[in-house]
């Protein structure tokens, strides 16, 4: 749950900063969305979300 909360927080911060200027370009949310999707996919494939009795 902590890991998922941190991912959602990261997405929220990226969405908030999306489009604001940086030194050489603007903030972009899409790389963060892609990174979170890849990480969630790897966790799913690794069995992180499976429930064991």
N, C-alpha and C. Protein backbone atom coordinates (compact mmCIF):
# COMPACT_ATOMS: atom_id res chain seq x y z
N UNK A 1 0.81 -1.20 0.00
CA UNK A 1 0.00 0.00 0.00
C UNK A 1 0.86 1.27 0.00
N UNK A 2 1.97 1.22 0.71
CA UNK A 2 2.84 2.40 0.76
C UNK A 2 3.42 2.68 -0.61
N UNK A 3 3.83 1.64 -1.31
CA UNK A 3 4.40 1.80 -2.64
C UNK A 3 3.38 2.40 -3.61
N UNK A 4 2.15 1.90 -3.57
CA UNK A 4 1.10 2.43 -4.43
C UNK A 4 0.79 3.88 -4.08
N UNK A 5 0.80 4.21 -2.81
CA UNK A 5 0.56 5.60 -2.39
C UNK A 5 1.65 6.53 -2.91
N UNK A 6 2.89 6.08 -2.86
CA UNK A 6 3.99 6.89 -3.38
C UNK A 6 3.89 7.07 -4.89
N UNK A 7 3.45 6.03 -5.59
CA UNK A 7 3.26 6.16 -7.05
C UNK A 7 2.17 7.17 -7.37
N UNK A 8 1.07 7.11 -6.65
CA UNK A 8 -0.02 8.06 -6.88
C UNK A 8 0.40 9.48 -6.53
N UNK A 9 1.19 9.64 -5.49
CA UNK A 9 1.71 10.95 -5.12
C UNK A 9 2.63 11.49 -6.22
N UNK A 10 3.46 10.63 -6.76
CA UNK A 10 4.35 11.01 -7.85
C UNK A 10 3.56 11.45 -9.07
N UNK A 11 2.50 10.72 -9.40
CA UNK A 11 1.64 11.10 -10.52
C UNK A 11 0.96 12.44 -10.26
N UNK A 12 0.49 12.65 -9.05
CA UNK A 12 -0.17 13.91 -8.71
C UNK A 12 0.77 15.10 -8.84
N UNK A 13 1.98 14.94 -8.37
CA UNK A 13 2.96 16.03 -8.47
C UNK A 13 3.29 16.31 -9.92
N UNK A 14 3.46 15.25 -10.72
CA UNK A 14 3.77 15.43 -12.15
C UNK A 14 2.61 16.12 -12.87
N UNK A 15 1.37 15.77 -12.52
CA UNK A 15 0.22 16.41 -13.15
C UNK A 15 0.14 17.88 -12.77
N UNK A 16 0.47 18.18 -11.52
CA UNK A 16 0.44 19.57 -11.06
C UNK A 16 1.47 20.42 -11.81
N UNK A 17 2.65 19.87 -12.06
CA UNK A 17 3.72 20.62 -12.70
C UNK A 17 3.66 20.57 -14.23
N UNK A 18 2.76 19.79 -14.79
CA UNK A 18 2.68 19.61 -16.24
C UNK A 18 2.47 20.96 -16.93
N UNK A 19 3.37 21.28 -17.85
CA UNK A 19 3.24 22.50 -18.63
C UNK A 19 3.95 23.71 -18.06
N UNK A 20 4.41 23.64 -16.82
CA UNK A 20 5.12 24.78 -16.26
C UNK A 20 6.55 24.80 -16.79
N UNK A 21 7.12 25.97 -16.98
CA UNK A 21 8.46 26.05 -17.57
C UNK A 21 9.55 25.56 -16.62
N UNK A 22 10.56 24.90 -17.21
CA UNK A 22 11.79 24.55 -16.52
C UNK A 22 12.90 25.37 -17.15
N UNK A 23 14.15 25.05 -16.85
CA UNK A 23 15.28 25.81 -17.39
C UNK A 23 15.29 25.79 -18.92
N UNK A 24 15.17 24.62 -19.52
CA UNK A 24 15.30 24.54 -20.98
C UNK A 24 14.02 24.11 -21.69
N UNK A 25 13.06 23.59 -20.95
CA UNK A 25 11.82 23.10 -21.58
C UNK A 25 10.69 23.16 -20.57
N UNK A 26 9.59 22.51 -20.87
CA UNK A 26 8.44 22.48 -19.95
C UNK A 26 8.35 21.10 -19.28
N UNK A 27 7.73 21.08 -18.09
CA UNK A 27 7.48 19.81 -17.41
C UNK A 27 6.48 19.00 -18.24
N UNK A 28 6.66 17.68 -18.25
CA UNK A 28 5.78 16.81 -19.01
C UNK A 28 5.38 15.64 -18.13
N UNK A 29 4.09 15.36 -18.07
CA UNK A 29 3.57 14.31 -17.20
C UNK A 29 3.70 12.92 -17.83
N UNK A 30 3.79 12.83 -19.15
CA UNK A 30 3.74 11.54 -19.82
C UNK A 30 4.89 10.60 -19.49
N UNK A 31 6.12 11.05 -19.34
CA UNK A 31 7.16 10.11 -18.91
C UNK A 31 6.90 9.50 -17.54
N UNK A 32 6.30 10.27 -16.65
CA UNK A 32 5.98 9.75 -15.31
C UNK A 32 4.86 8.71 -15.40
N UNK A 33 3.86 8.99 -16.23
CA UNK A 33 2.77 8.04 -16.42
C UNK A 33 3.31 6.73 -16.98
N UNK A 34 4.18 6.82 -17.97
CA UNK A 34 4.78 5.63 -18.56
C UNK A 34 5.61 4.86 -17.54
N UNK A 35 6.39 5.55 -16.74
CA UNK A 35 7.23 4.89 -15.73
C UNK A 35 6.37 4.16 -14.69
N UNK A 36 5.29 4.79 -14.25
CA UNK A 36 4.41 4.15 -13.26
C UNK A 36 3.72 2.93 -13.87
N UNK A 37 3.30 3.03 -15.12
CA UNK A 37 2.68 1.88 -15.79
C UNK A 37 3.65 0.71 -15.92
N UNK A 38 4.88 0.99 -16.30
CA UNK A 38 5.89 -0.06 -16.42
C UNK A 38 6.15 -0.69 -15.05
N UNK A 39 6.28 0.14 -14.03
CA UNK A 39 6.55 -0.39 -12.69
C UNK A 39 5.39 -1.24 -12.18
N UNK A 40 4.15 -0.78 -12.38
CA UNK A 40 3.00 -1.57 -11.95
C UNK A 40 2.90 -2.88 -12.72
N UNK A 41 3.22 -2.86 -14.01
CA UNK A 41 3.20 -4.08 -14.81
C UNK A 41 4.24 -5.09 -14.30
N UNK A 42 5.44 -4.61 -14.03
CA UNK A 42 6.47 -5.51 -13.50
C UNK A 42 6.09 -6.07 -12.13
N UNK A 43 5.50 -5.25 -11.29
CA UNK A 43 5.06 -5.74 -9.98
C UNK A 43 3.95 -6.78 -10.13
N UNK A 44 3.04 -6.55 -11.07
CA UNK A 44 1.96 -7.51 -11.32
C UNK A 44 2.52 -8.84 -11.83
N UNK A 45 3.42 -8.77 -12.79
CA UNK A 45 4.04 -9.99 -13.34
C UNK A 45 4.84 -10.72 -12.28
N UNK A 46 5.42 -9.99 -11.35
CA UNK A 46 6.20 -10.61 -10.29
C UNK A 46 5.37 -11.16 -9.15
N UNK A 47 4.06 -10.99 -9.19
CA UNK A 47 3.17 -11.55 -8.16
C UNK A 47 2.96 -10.64 -6.96
N UNK A 48 3.29 -9.36 -7.07
CA UNK A 48 3.14 -8.45 -5.94
C UNK A 48 1.70 -8.30 -5.49
N UNK A 49 0.76 -8.39 -6.44
CA UNK A 49 -0.64 -8.14 -6.12
C UNK A 49 -1.43 -9.42 -5.87
N UNK A 50 -0.78 -10.58 -5.92
CA UNK A 50 -1.50 -11.83 -5.68
C UNK A 50 -1.73 -12.02 -4.19
N UNK A 51 -2.87 -12.58 -3.85
CA UNK A 51 -3.24 -12.79 -2.46
C UNK A 51 -3.06 -14.26 -2.13
N UNK A 52 -2.29 -14.53 -1.09
CA UNK A 52 -2.05 -15.92 -0.67
C UNK A 52 -2.81 -16.20 0.60
N UNK A 53 -3.43 -17.37 0.67
CA UNK A 53 -4.19 -17.75 1.87
C UNK A 53 -3.32 -18.53 2.81
